[in-house]
Amino acid sequence: MLRFCRFVWEEHRLVVFVTLVALLVSIGFTVNFISEVLYFSDPANLNRTVEPWMSMRLVAQSWGLPKVVMIETLGYQAETPIDDLPRTVAEHLKASGMTLVEFQQLIENKAMSLGEWRGDD
């Protein structure tokens, strides 16, 4: 086995490097996936009260809103480039003039109507 590893290293270094990079990238995605599964499997992290520091992605995931629904809830077209969307709740509140309470109510209402449409209790 050692002789084979030495042969591969000496004759195919590029393949070894590409394989190692692919392995590291796969491990990174796996760790990210597992951390999100663990985070959102905790009921305390679902339907969280919206805070200004939260990213729009966190709010959408916490409230179970698909990306397109969240974008439309913010008042943008679904085709809007990601760079044109606000990244945090604070950015959206500043741009829209909404209060945090109004935004929280908007998200709750959208999640409730989406839940009724899906048949969730």
C-alpha atoms as a PDB file:
ATOM      1  CA  MET A   1       0.000   0.000   0.000  1.00  0.00           C
ATOM      2  CA  LEU A   2       2.808   2.395   0.860  1.00  0.00           C
ATOM      3  CA  ARG A   3       4.467   1.692  -2.472  1.00  0.00           C
ATOM      4  CA  PHE A   4       1.229   2.472  -4.293  1.00  0.00           C
ATOM      5  CA  CYS A   5       0.799   5.772  -2.391  1.00  0.00           C
ATOM      6  CA  ARG A   6       4.389   6.731  -3.193  1.00  0.00           C
ATOM      7  CA  PHE A   7       3.816   5.896  -6.862  1.00  0.00           C
ATOM      8  CA  VAL A   8       0.640   7.983  -7.025  1.00  0.00           C
ATOM      9  CA  TRP A   9       2.356  10.896  -5.261  1.00  0.00           C
ATOM     10  CA  GLU A  10       5.389  10.818  -7.537  1.00  0.00           C
ATOM     11  CA  GLU A  11       3.585  10.256 -10.827  1.00  0.00           C
ATOM     12  CA  HIS A  12       0.220  11.988 -10.333  1.00  0.00           C
ATOM     13  CA  ARG A  13       0.644  14.887  -7.928  1.00  0.00           C
ATOM     14  CA  LEU A  14      -1.979  16.995  -9.674  1.00  0.00           C
ATOM     15  CA  VAL A  15      -4.566  14.246  -9.241  1.00  0.00           C
ATOM     16  CA  VAL A  16      -3.657  13.960  -5.548  1.00  0.00           C
ATOM     17  CA  PHE A  17      -4.016  17.736  -5.045  1.00  0.00           C
ATOM     18  CA  VAL A  18      -7.337  17.886  -6.894  1.00  0.00           C
ATOM     19  CA  THR A  19      -8.635  14.936  -4.894  1.00  0.00           C
ATOM     20  CA  LEU A  20      -7.564  16.523  -1.598  1.00  0.00           C
ATOM     21  CA  VAL A  21      -9.174  19.851  -2.500  1.00  0.00           C
ATOM     22  CA  ALA A  22     -12.393  18.091  -3.501  1.00  0.00           C
ATOM     23  CA  LEU A  23     -12.328  16.157  -0.232  1.00  0.00           C
ATOM     24  CA  LEU A  24     -11.835  19.349   1.812  1.00  0.00           C
ATOM     25  CA  VAL A  25     -14.650  21.125  -0.021  1.00  0.00           C
ATOM     26  CA  SER A  26     -16.946  18.138   0.555  1.00  0.00           C
ATOM     27  CA  ILE A  27     -16.080  18.112   4.252  1.00  0.00           C
ATOM     28  CA  GLY A  28     -16.834  21.856   4.439  1.00  0.00           C
ATOM     29  CA  PHE A  29     -20.268  21.420   2.851  1.00  0.00           C
ATOM     30  CA  THR A  30     -20.999  18.454   5.107  1.00  0.00           C
ATOM     31  CA  VAL A  31     -20.085  20.386   8.257  1.00  0.00           C
ATOM     32  CA  ASN A  32     -22.227  23.332   7.125  1.00  0.00           C
ATOM     33  CA  PHE A  33     -25.171  21.047   6.374  1.00  0.00           C
ATOM     34  CA  ILE A  34     -24.935  19.236   9.714  1.00  0.00           C
ATOM     35  CA  SER A  35     -24.629  22.501  11.657  1.00  0.00           C
ATOM     36  CA  GLU A  36     -27.749  23.914   9.968  1.00  0.00           C
ATOM     37  CA  VAL A  37     -29.696  20.712  10.573  1.00  0.00           C
ATOM     38  CA  LEU A  38     -28.733  20.755  14.237  1.00  0.00           C
ATOM     39  CA  TYR A  39     -29.487  24.465  14.594  1.00  0.00           C
ATOM     40  CA  PHE A  40     -32.930  24.337  12.990  1.00  0.00           C
ATOM     41  CA  SER A  41     -33.902  21.051  14.651  1.00  0.00           C
ATOM     42  CA  ASP A  42     -33.949  22.936  17.965  1.00  0.00           C
ATOM     43  CA  PRO A  43     -37.525  24.284  18.399  1.00  0.00           C
ATOM     44  CA  ALA A  44     -36.123  27.411  20.072  1.00  0.00           C
ATOM     45  CA  ASN A  45     -34.656  28.451  16.706  1.00  0.00           C
ATOM     46  CA  LEU A  46     -37.919  28.153  14.789  1.00  0.00           C
ATOM     47  CA  ASN A  47     -40.256  31.131  14.449  1.00  0.00           C
ATOM     48  CA  ARG A  48     -37.798  33.350  16.313  1.00  0.00           C
ATOM     49  CA  THR A  49     -38.645  36.928  17.087  1.00  0.00           C
ATOM     50  CA  VAL A  50     -37.092  39.029  14.352  1.00  0.00           C
ATOM     51  CA  GLU A  51     -34.152  41.186  15.395  1.00  0.00           C
ATOM     52  CA  PRO A  52     -32.334  43.875  13.353  1.00  0.00           C
ATOM     53  CA  TRP A  53     -29.032  41.948  13.162  1.00  0.00           C
ATOM     54  CA  MET A  54     -30.633  38.886  11.538  1.00  0.00           C
ATOM     55  CA  SER A  55     -29.971  38.104   7.907  1.00  0.00           C
ATOM     56  CA  MET A  56     -32.953  37.722   5.620  1.00  0.00           C
ATOM     57  CA  ARG A  57     -31.897  34.120   5.022  1.00  0.00           C
ATOM     58  CA  LEU A  58     -32.021  33.385   8.758  1.00  0.00           C
ATOM     59  CA  VAL A  59     -35.483  34.943   9.050  1.00  0.00           C
ATOM     60  CA  ALA A  60     -36.727  32.969   6.035  1.00  0.00           C
ATOM     61  CA  GLN A  61     -35.344  29.684   7.348  1.00  0.00           C
ATOM     62  CA  SER A  62     -36.585  30.286  10.866  1.00  0.00           C
ATOM     63  CA  TRP A  63     -40.113  30.985   9.654  1.00  0.00           C
ATOM     64  CA  GLY A  64     -40.129  28.328   6.924  1.00  0.00           C
ATOM     65  CA  LEU A  65     -40.464  30.777   4.043  1.00  0.00           C
ATOM     66  CA  PRO A  66     -39.065  29.747   0.659  1.00  0.00           C
ATOM     67  CA  LYS A  67     -36.576  32.180  -0.887  1.00  0.00           C
ATOM     68  CA  VAL A  68     -38.991  33.402  -3.578  1.00  0.00           C
ATOM     69  CA  VAL A  69     -41.750  34.002  -1.039  1.00  0.00           C
ATOM     70  CA  MET A  70     -39.373  35.936   1.222  1.00  0.00           C
ATOM     71  CA  ILE A  71     -38.196  38.104  -1.674  1.00  0.00           C
ATOM     72  CA  GLU A  72     -41.765  38.890  -2.685  1.00  0.00           C
ATOM     73  CA  THR A  73     -42.699  39.558   0.952  1.00  0.00           C
ATOM     74  CA  LEU A  74     -39.965  42.202   1.043  1.00  0.00           C
ATOM     75  CA  GLY A  75     -41.621  43.884  -1.950  1.00  0.00           C
ATOM     76  CA  TYR A  76     -39.138  42.854  -4.634  1.00  0.00           C
ATOM     77  CA  GLN A  77     -39.662  40.895  -7.832  1.00  0.00           C
ATOM     78  CA  ALA A  78     -38.582  37.243  -7.707  1.00  0.00           C
ATOM     79  CA  GLU A  79     -36.032  37.931 -10.480  1.00  0.00           C
ATOM     80  CA  THR A  80     -34.287  40.680  -8.494  1.00  0.00           C
ATOM     81  CA  PRO A  81     -30.514  40.081  -8.395  1.00  0.00           C
ATOM     82  CA  ILE A  82     -29.309  38.937  -4.981  1.00  0.00           C
ATOM     83  CA  ASP A  83     -26.959  41.930  -4.704  1.00  0.00           C
ATOM     84  CA  ASP A  84     -29.925  44.321  -4.914  1.00  0.00           C
ATOM     85  CA  LEU A  85     -31.687  42.754  -1.921  1.00  0.00           C
ATOM     86  CA  PRO A  86     -31.115  43.871   1.655  1.00  0.00           C
ATOM     87  CA  ARG A  87     -28.878  41.463   3.572  1.00  0.00           C
ATOM     88  CA  THR A  88     -30.138  42.192   7.081  1.00  0.00           C
ATOM     89  CA  VAL A  89     -33.422  43.131   8.667  1.00  0.00           C
ATOM     90  CA  ALA A  90     -31.920  46.490   9.683  1.00  0.00           C
ATOM     91  CA  GLU A  91     -31.063  47.306   6.051  1.00  0.00           C
ATOM     92  CA  HIS A  92     -34.614  46.491   4.959  1.00  0.00           C
ATOM     93  CA  LEU A  93     -36.174  48.504   7.787  1.00  0.00           C
ATOM     94  CA  LYS A  94     -34.041  51.510   6.879  1.00  0.00           C
ATOM     95  CA  ALA A  95     -34.862  51.247   3.168  1.00  0.00           C
ATOM     96  CA  SER A  96     -38.579  50.586   3.596  1.00  0.00           C
ATOM     97  CA  GLY A  97     -39.338  52.795   6.594  1.00  0.00           C
ATOM     98  CA  MET A  98     -41.053  49.928   8.398  1.00  0.00           C
ATOM     99  CA  THR A  99     -40.739  49.378  12.115  1.00  0.00           C
ATOM    100  CA  LEU A 100     -39.449  46.129  13.544  1.00  0.00           C
ATOM    101  CA  VAL A 101     -42.918  45.329  14.916  1.00  0.00           C
ATOM    102  CA  GLU A 102     -44.512  45.847  11.484  1.00  0.00           C
ATOM    103  CA  PHE A 103     -41.890  43.652   9.854  1.00  0.00           C
ATOM    104  CA  GLN A 104     -42.389  40.924  12.474  1.00  0.00           C
ATOM    105  CA  GLN A 105     -46.145  41.029  11.823  1.00  0.00           C
ATOM    106  CA  LEU A 106     -45.571  40.861   8.055  1.00  0.00           C
ATOM    107  CA  ILE A 107     -43.384  37.765   8.418  1.00  0.00           C
ATOM    108  CA  GLU A 108     -45.815  36.088  10.835  1.00  0.00           C
ATOM    109  CA  ASN A 109     -48.766  36.730   8.515  1.00  0.00           C
ATOM    110  CA  LYS A 110     -46.891  35.402   5.477  1.00  0.00           C
ATOM    111  CA  ALA A 111     -45.785  32.285   7.365  1.00  0.00           C
ATOM    112  CA  MET A 112     -49.319  31.728   8.624  1.00  0.00           C
ATOM    113  CA  SER A 113     -50.872  32.111   5.159  1.00  0.00           C
ATOM    114  CA  LEU A 114     -48.213  29.861   3.660  1.00  0.00           C
ATOM    115  CA  GLY A 115     -48.834  27.291   6.405  1.00  0.00           C
ATOM    116  CA  GLU A 116     -52.563  27.339   5.689  1.00  0.00           C
ATOM    117  CA  TRP A 117     -51.884  26.924   1.978  1.00  0.00           C
ATOM    118  CA  ARG A 118     -49.600  23.953   2.692  1.00  0.00           C
ATOM    119  CA  GLY A 119     -52.050  22.480   5.173  1.00  0.00           C
ATOM    120  CA  ASP A 120     -49.769  22.874   8.217  1.00  0.00           C
ATOM    121  CA  ASP A 121     -51.357  23.167  11.621  1.00  0.00           C
END
